Each structure stands twice: as C-alpha cells, then as structure tokens.
Amino acid sequence: MPKIADIQETPNPNAVKFILKEPVSHGTSHSFKSAEAGERDALAKSIFEVGEVVSVFYMDKMITVEKTDDAEWDDILPDLAVPIRAAEAVVVSNGNGKAAAAAVGGAIAAAASDDPKIREIEALLDERIRPFLASDGGWLEILELEDSTLKIRYEGACGSCPSSLTGTLMAIENMIQDEIDPEIKVIVA
C-alpha cells in the first residue's frame, strides 16, 4: 500500500499529481479516460468511485487524477487519498512481448516495434520530452508511424491541457524533424 509523499499541481488546473513512496506499477503506464474504461482496473475503478473524476493516469510512483470543472480540489482530495493509499502494485507479465504487442496494436505495438525510426523517436522522447511531461503529471505514447505521420497520444494531465496540443506538440515535431527526419509530421490521435 503506497504512502503519498506529495500532491502537486500541474499546468492543467483540473489535474493533480500524487507522488508516491512506493510504485503502483513497474515501468508500465495505465490511462483511463472514463469510469467505464477503468472498470476492470482496481485502482482506477476505486478512484473513479470517489466521484467528480474525469480521468486517471498512473505509472511507477505517480498517479494523476483529472477532476470535473465543477469540483473543488479541497473537497475531493481527502477522498482521493483513501483509494490511492489502499492501492496494490500492478504487475504486468512479459510473456511473448512482440507477438502480443502486434496483436494489440496502438502504443503497445509501437513500443515493441523493430522499426529503427520508431526506436530513435522513442529514445529522443525518453531523453528530452517524457521527463518534463512526467514532472507535470503527464506522459505521451507513440501510437504509430505511418508513412511520414507520427500519431501520439497524451496521457494524464497532458491529455486535456491546452499547451500540450499547441506548444508542446510543435516542439516535439520540430525536435523530431531536426534530429531524426525532416519529413515527419506529428499529430495527436
């Protein structure tokens, strides 16, 4: 059961980031944009059950919760702490990674891809973009690279933050064009 080390505001006024002392996952990200999507995940389900929650994102020692516009943080933060403190770590089996990833598609397939260009982009994102997004309670995943179009998905606080859809997106595209391939266009799926 993780203890909450800190609760931090994010650039998204409707999202906060819980920093934990113990991990709730080990190197895997989990994103739920509705209570229905989180129904089969014990942690997400318990957080949505608090009410006034729009989305839940967690990985390692971080949980980002996005609230409705009408909810007040002072009212729901104490209630959110209860299921977070009761959380158990999620363990993901490695199994036959590449075959399973290809069957699932999307971000999982992109992460397991043998495409050298995707590996270069992943390394660039890991080094220069993802740490900053994580510090703000967010993340991004590559969904696919088709022709010269890279489809990404923002997670956590970044998922509904206006700056991710404009400035951050342009910065990512410029970095990829400058360092990997000038033809790549980046879009949010």
C-alpha atoms as a PDB file:
ATOM      1  CA  MET A   1       0.000   0.000   0.000  1.00  0.00           C
ATOM      2  CA  PRO A   2       1.667   3.198  -1.139  1.00  0.00           C
ATOM      3  CA  LYS A   3       2.060   6.237   1.026  1.00  0.00           C
ATOM      4  CA  ILE A   4       1.548   9.633  -0.550  1.00  0.00           C
ATOM      5  CA  ALA A   5       4.803  11.594  -0.480  1.00  0.00           C
ATOM      6  CA  ASP A   6       3.411  14.752  -2.089  1.00  0.00           C
ATOM      7  CA  ILE A   7       0.495  16.180  -4.027  1.00  0.00           C
ATOM      8  CA  GLN A   8       1.478  18.592  -6.788  1.00  0.00           C
ATOM      9  CA  GLU A   9      -0.449  20.949  -9.018  1.00  0.00           C
ATOM     10  CA  THR A  10       0.058  20.546 -12.757  1.00  0.00           C
ATOM     11  CA  PRO A  11      -0.208  23.105 -15.563  1.00  0.00           C
ATOM     12  CA  ASN A  12      -3.700  21.696 -16.107  1.00  0.00           C
ATOM     13  CA  PRO A  13      -5.854  23.296 -13.369  1.00  0.00           C
ATOM     14  CA  ASN A  14      -8.177  20.268 -13.368  1.00  0.00           C
ATOM     15  CA  ALA A  15      -5.386  17.741 -12.737  1.00  0.00           C
ATOM     16  CA  VAL A  16      -3.173  16.968  -9.744  1.00  0.00           C
ATOM     17  CA  LYS A  17      -0.286  14.578  -9.437  1.00  0.00           C
ATOM     18  CA  PHE A  18       0.136  12.298  -6.444  1.00  0.00           C
ATOM     19  CA  ILE A  19       3.781  11.377  -5.831  1.00  0.00           C
ATOM     20  CA  LEU A  20       4.007   8.051  -4.008  1.00  0.00           C
ATOM     21  CA  LYS A  21       6.670   6.439  -1.843  1.00  0.00           C
ATOM     22  CA  GLU A  22       6.030   3.006  -3.389  1.00  0.00           C
ATOM     23  CA  PRO A  23       5.247   2.169  -7.026  1.00  0.00           C
ATOM     24  CA  VAL A  24       1.759   1.263  -8.217  1.00  0.00           C
ATOM     25  CA  SER A  25       3.203  -0.102 -11.460  1.00  0.00           C
ATOM     26  CA  HIS A  26       6.649  -1.054 -12.629  1.00  0.00           C
ATOM     27  CA  GLY A  27       7.551   0.663 -15.894  1.00  0.00           C
ATOM     28  CA  THR A  28       4.053   0.460 -17.365  1.00  0.00           C
ATOM     29  CA  SER A  29       1.614   3.328 -17.830  1.00  0.00           C
ATOM     30  CA  HIS A  30      -2.130   2.966 -17.316  1.00  0.00           C
ATOM     31  CA  SER A  31      -4.564   5.566 -18.637  1.00  0.00           C
ATOM     32  CA  PHE A  32      -8.339   5.672 -18.225  1.00  0.00           C
ATOM     33  CA  LYS A  33     -10.390   8.475 -19.739  1.00  0.00           C
ATOM     34  CA  SER A  34     -13.709   7.371 -18.225  1.00  0.00           C
ATOM     35  CA  ALA A  35     -15.119   5.292 -15.395  1.00  0.00           C
ATOM     36  CA  GLU A  36     -16.191   2.699 -17.957  1.00  0.00           C
ATOM     37  CA  ALA A  37     -12.649   2.428 -19.293  1.00  0.00           C
ATOM     38  CA  GLY A  38     -11.324   1.923 -15.757  1.00  0.00           C
ATOM     39  CA  GLU A  39     -13.955  -0.602 -14.709  1.00  0.00           C
ATOM     40  CA  ARG A  40     -11.568  -3.584 -14.966  1.00  0.00           C
ATOM     41  CA  ASP A  41      -8.641  -1.873 -13.216  1.00  0.00           C
ATOM     42  CA  ALA A  42      -8.998  -1.970  -9.421  1.00  0.00           C
ATOM     43  CA  LEU A  43      -7.051   1.235  -8.769  1.00  0.00           C
ATOM     44  CA  ALA A  44      -8.727   3.287 -11.498  1.00  0.00           C
ATOM     45  CA  LYS A  45     -12.161   1.981 -10.549  1.00  0.00           C
ATOM     46  CA  SER A  46     -11.703   2.940  -6.894  1.00  0.00           C
ATOM     47  CA  ILE A  47     -10.555   6.448  -7.850  1.00  0.00           C
ATOM     48  CA  PHE A  48     -13.480   6.985 -10.237  1.00  0.00           C
ATOM     49  CA  GLU A  49     -15.855   5.822  -7.475  1.00  0.00           C
ATOM     50  CA  VAL A  50     -14.848   8.907  -5.444  1.00  0.00           C
ATOM     51  CA  GLY A  51     -16.883  10.917  -7.957  1.00  0.00           C
ATOM     52  CA  GLU A  52     -16.129  14.087  -9.929  1.00  0.00           C
ATOM     53  CA  VAL A  53     -13.186  12.297 -11.637  1.00  0.00           C
ATOM     54  CA  VAL A  54     -12.741  12.661 -15.409  1.00  0.00           C
ATOM     55  CA  SER A  55      -9.563  10.624 -15.952  1.00  0.00           C
ATOM     56  CA  VAL A  56      -6.934   8.578 -14.117  1.00  0.00           C
ATOM     57  CA  PHE A  57      -3.354   8.004 -15.241  1.00  0.00           C
ATOM     58  CA  TYR A  58      -0.700   6.134 -13.305  1.00  0.00           C
ATOM     59  CA  MET A  59       2.781   4.744 -13.700  1.00  0.00           C
ATOM     60  CA  ASP A  60       5.569   3.852 -11.331  1.00  0.00           C
ATOM     61  CA  LYS A  61       5.308   6.210  -8.323  1.00  0.00           C
ATOM     62  CA  MET A  62       2.861   8.705  -9.817  1.00  0.00           C
ATOM     63  CA  ILE A  63      -0.916   8.952 -10.115  1.00  0.00           C
ATOM     64  CA  THR A  64      -2.524  11.844 -11.978  1.00  0.00           C
ATOM     65  CA  VAL A  65      -6.212  12.494 -11.430  1.00  0.00           C
ATOM     66  CA  GLU A  66      -8.271  14.912 -13.508  1.00  0.00           C
ATOM     67  CA  LYS A  67     -11.465  16.301 -11.967  1.00  0.00           C
ATOM     68  CA  THR A  68     -14.589  17.840 -13.456  1.00  0.00           C
ATOM     69  CA  ASP A  69     -14.673  21.617 -13.929  1.00  0.00           C
ATOM     70  CA  ASP A  70     -17.257  21.997 -11.155  1.00  0.00           C
ATOM     71  CA  ALA A  71     -15.445  20.017  -8.457  1.00  0.00           C
ATOM     72  CA  GLU A  72     -13.195  21.730  -5.920  1.00  0.00           C
ATOM     73  CA  TRP A  73      -9.857  20.152  -5.028  1.00  0.00           C
ATOM     74  CA  ASP A  74     -10.335  20.955  -1.339  1.00  0.00           C
ATOM     75  CA  ASP A  75     -13.487  18.825  -1.377  1.00  0.00           C
ATOM     76  CA  ILE A  76     -12.225  15.750  -3.230  1.00  0.00           C
ATOM     77  CA  LEU A  77      -8.502  15.467  -2.356  1.00  0.00           C
ATOM     78  CA  PRO A  78      -9.136  13.831   1.045  1.00  0.00           C
ATOM     79  CA  ASP A  79     -11.492  11.315  -0.592  1.00  0.00           C
ATOM     80  CA  LEU A  80      -8.977  10.541  -3.374  1.00  0.00           C
ATOM     81  CA  ALA A  81      -6.253   9.765  -0.840  1.00  0.00           C
ATOM     82  CA  VAL A  82      -8.201   6.766   0.501  1.00  0.00           C
ATOM     83  CA  PRO A  83      -8.120   4.528  -2.627  1.00  0.00           C
ATOM     84  CA  ILE A  84      -4.615   5.695  -3.505  1.00  0.00           C
ATOM     85  CA  ARG A  85      -3.285   4.623  -0.117  1.00  0.00           C
ATOM     86  CA  ALA A  86      -5.069   1.268  -0.481  1.00  0.00           C
ATOM     87  CA  ALA A  87      -3.629   0.572  -3.962  1.00  0.00           C
ATOM     88  CA  GLU A  88      -1.697  -2.564  -4.802  1.00  0.00           C
ATOM     89  CA  ALA A  89       1.064  -2.568  -7.398  1.00  0.00           C
ATOM     90  CA  VAL A  90       0.133  -3.711 -10.891  1.00  0.00           C
ATOM     91  CA  VAL A  91       2.365  -6.453 -12.240  1.00  0.00           C
ATOM     92  CA  VAL A  92       2.415  -6.953 -15.993  1.00  0.00           C
ATOM     93  CA  SER A  93       3.579 -10.283 -17.353  1.00  0.00           C
ATOM     94  CA  ASN A  94       6.200 -10.119 -20.094  1.00  0.00           C
ATOM     95  CA  GLY A  95       5.108 -13.306 -21.875  1.00  0.00           C
ATOM     96  CA  ASN A  96       5.635 -13.233 -25.638  1.00  0.00           C
ATOM     97  CA  GLY A  97       6.007  -9.461 -25.880  1.00  0.00           C
ATOM     98  CA  LYS A  98       6.320  -8.773 -29.609  1.00  0.00           C
ATOM     99  CA  ALA A  99       3.589 -11.166 -30.703  1.00  0.00           C
ATOM    100  CA  ALA A 100       1.195  -9.915 -28.030  1.00  0.00           C
ATOM    101  CA  ALA A 101       2.045  -6.288 -28.818  1.00  0.00           C
ATOM    102  CA  ALA A 102       1.403  -6.752 -32.521  1.00  0.00           C
ATOM    103  CA  ALA A 103      -1.949  -8.341 -31.778  1.00  0.00           C
ATOM    104  CA  VAL A 104      -2.996  -5.460 -29.520  1.00  0.00           C
ATOM    105  CA  GLY A 105      -1.674  -2.683 -31.770  1.00  0.00           C
ATOM    106  CA  GLY A 106      -1.504   1.007 -30.905  1.00  0.00           C
ATOM    107  CA  ALA A 107       1.011   2.229 -28.341  1.00  0.00           C
ATOM    108  CA  ILE A 108       1.972  -1.285 -27.259  1.00  0.00           C
ATOM    109  CA  ALA A 109       2.834  -2.307 -30.807  1.00  0.00           C
ATOM    110  CA  ALA A 110       4.773   0.922 -31.382  1.00  0.00           C
ATOM    111  CA  ALA A 111       6.789   0.403 -28.186  1.00  0.00           C
ATOM    112  CA  ALA A 112       7.701  -3.149 -29.218  1.00  0.00           C
ATOM    113  CA  SER A 113       8.416  -2.213 -32.826  1.00  0.00           C
ATOM    114  CA  ASP A 114      11.597  -3.230 -34.612  1.00  0.00           C
ATOM    115  CA  ASP A 115      11.385  -0.080 -36.783  1.00  0.00           C
ATOM    116  CA  PRO A 116      14.682   1.783 -36.231  1.00  0.00           C
ATOM    117  CA  LYS A 117      12.995   5.155 -36.778  1.00  0.00           C
ATOM    118  CA  ILE A 118      10.454   4.475 -34.024  1.00  0.00           C
ATOM    119  CA  ARG A 119      13.285   3.358 -31.737  1.00  0.00           C
ATOM    120  CA  GLU A 120      15.120   6.633 -32.452  1.00  0.00           C
ATOM    121  CA  ILE A 121      11.972   8.659 -31.765  1.00  0.00           C
ATOM    122  CA  GLU A 122      11.276   6.713 -28.550  1.00  0.00           C
ATOM    123  CA  ALA A 123      14.847   7.367 -27.359  1.00  0.00           C
ATOM    124  CA  LEU A 124      14.518  11.088 -28.129  1.00  0.00           C
ATOM    125  CA  LEU A 125      11.185  11.285 -26.306  1.00  0.00           C
ATOM    126  CA  ASP A 126      12.574   9.328 -23.327  1.00  0.00           C
ATOM    127  CA  GLU A 127      15.555  11.647 -23.054  1.00  0.00           C
ATOM    128  CA  ARG A 128      14.106  15.062 -23.850  1.00  0.00           C
ATOM    129  CA  ILE A 129      10.304  15.114 -23.582  1.00  0.00           C
ATOM    130  CA  ARG A 130       8.827  12.452 -21.305  1.00  0.00           C
ATOM    131  CA  PRO A 131      10.721  13.512 -18.147  1.00  0.00           C
ATOM    132  CA  PHE A 132       9.217  17.003 -18.426  1.00  0.00           C
ATOM    133  CA  LEU A 133       5.731  15.674 -19.124  1.00  0.00           C
ATOM    134  CA  ALA A 134       6.018  13.286 -16.163  1.00  0.00           C
ATOM    135  CA  SER A 135       7.082  16.149 -13.905  1.00  0.00           C
ATOM    136  CA  ASP A 136       3.756  17.802 -14.796  1.00  0.00           C
ATOM    137  CA  GLY A 137       1.742  14.616 -14.210  1.00  0.00           C
ATOM    138  CA  GLY A 138       1.551  13.540 -17.838  1.00  0.00           C
ATOM    139  CA  TRP A 139       3.058  11.269 -20.436  1.00  0.00           C
ATOM    140  CA  LEU A 140       2.877  10.527 -24.138  1.00  0.00           C
ATOM    141  CA  GLU A 141       2.844   7.361 -26.158  1.00  0.00           C
ATOM    142  CA  ILE A 142       3.531   6.711 -29.795  1.00  0.00           C
ATOM    143  CA  LEU A 143       0.570   5.008 -31.415  1.00  0.00           C
ATOM    144  CA  GLU A 144       2.030   4.516 -34.879  1.00  0.00           C
ATOM    145  CA  LEU A 145       4.313   5.839 -37.563  1.00  0.00           C
ATOM    146  CA  GLU A 146       2.610   5.530 -40.918  1.00  0.00           C
ATOM    147  CA  ASP A 147       4.417   6.979 -43.929  1.00  0.00           C
ATOM    148  CA  SER A 148       5.654  10.290 -42.502  1.00  0.00           C
ATOM    149  CA  THR A 149       2.903  10.791 -39.929  1.00  0.00           C
ATOM    150  CA  LEU A 150       3.624  10.034 -36.289  1.00  0.00           C
ATOM    151  CA  LYS A 151       0.479   9.592 -34.208  1.00  0.00           C
ATOM    152  CA  ILE A 152       0.881  10.197 -30.493  1.00  0.00           C
ATOM    153  CA  ARG A 153      -1.450  10.175 -27.504  1.00  0.00           C
ATOM    154  CA  TYR A 154      -1.041  12.371 -24.453  1.00  0.00           C
ATOM    155  CA  GLU A 155      -1.809  10.810 -21.083  1.00  0.00           C
ATOM    156  CA  GLY A 156      -2.537  12.108 -17.593  1.00  0.00           C
ATOM    157  CA  ALA A 157      -2.558  15.866 -17.047  1.00  0.00           C
ATOM    158  CA  CYS A 158      -1.353  16.407 -20.615  1.00  0.00           C
ATOM    159  CA  GLY A 159      -4.416  14.707 -22.081  1.00  0.00           C
ATOM    160  CA  SER A 160      -6.644  17.756 -21.773  1.00  0.00           C
ATOM    161  CA  CYS A 161      -4.096  20.529 -21.274  1.00  0.00           C
ATOM    162  CA  PRO A 162      -4.245  23.208 -23.992  1.00  0.00           C
ATOM    163  CA  SER A 163      -0.450  23.715 -24.026  1.00  0.00           C
ATOM    164  CA  SER A 164       0.132  20.036 -24.942  1.00  0.00           C
ATOM    165  CA  LEU A 165      -1.998  20.403 -28.038  1.00  0.00           C
ATOM    166  CA  THR A 166      -0.166  23.505 -29.278  1.00  0.00           C
ATOM    167  CA  GLY A 167       3.294  24.484 -27.995  1.00  0.00           C
ATOM    168  CA  THR A 168       4.436  21.094 -26.769  1.00  0.00           C
ATOM    169  CA  LEU A 169       3.236  19.367 -29.931  1.00  0.00           C
ATOM    170  CA  MET A 170       5.117  21.841 -32.135  1.00  0.00           C
ATOM    171  CA  ALA A 171       8.261  21.450 -30.018  1.00  0.00           C
ATOM    172  CA  ILE A 172       8.098  17.664 -30.334  1.00  0.00           C
ATOM    173  CA  GLU A 173       7.593  17.859 -34.100  1.00  0.00           C
ATOM    174  CA  ASN A 174      10.454  20.356 -34.513  1.00  0.00           C
ATOM    175  CA  MET A 175      12.808  18.212 -32.436  1.00  0.00           C
ATOM    176  CA  ILE A 176      11.966  15.066 -34.431  1.00  0.00           C
ATOM    177  CA  GLN A 177      12.304  16.908 -37.743  1.00  0.00           C
ATOM    178  CA  ASP A 178      15.649  18.454 -36.728  1.00  0.00           C
ATOM    179  CA  GLU A 179      17.199  15.316 -35.285  1.00  0.00           C
ATOM    180  CA  ILE A 180      15.578  12.318 -36.995  1.00  0.00           C
ATOM    181  CA  ASP A 181      13.596  13.030 -40.171  1.00  0.00           C
ATOM    182  CA  PRO A 182      12.547  16.431 -41.596  1.00  0.00           C
ATOM    183  CA  GLU A 183       9.521  14.834 -43.290  1.00  0.00           C
ATOM    184  CA  ILE A 184       7.774  13.601 -40.136  1.00  0.00           C
ATOM    185  CA  LYS A 185       4.578  15.342 -39.095  1.00  0.00           C
ATOM    186  CA  VAL A 186       3.300  14.735 -35.561  1.00  0.00           C
ATOM    187  CA  ILE A 187      -0.404  14.554 -34.832  1.00  0.00           C
ATOM    188  CA  VAL A 188      -2.429  13.813 -31.718  1.00  0.00           C
ATOM    189  CA  ALA A 189      -4.846  10.927 -32.047  1.00  0.00           C
END
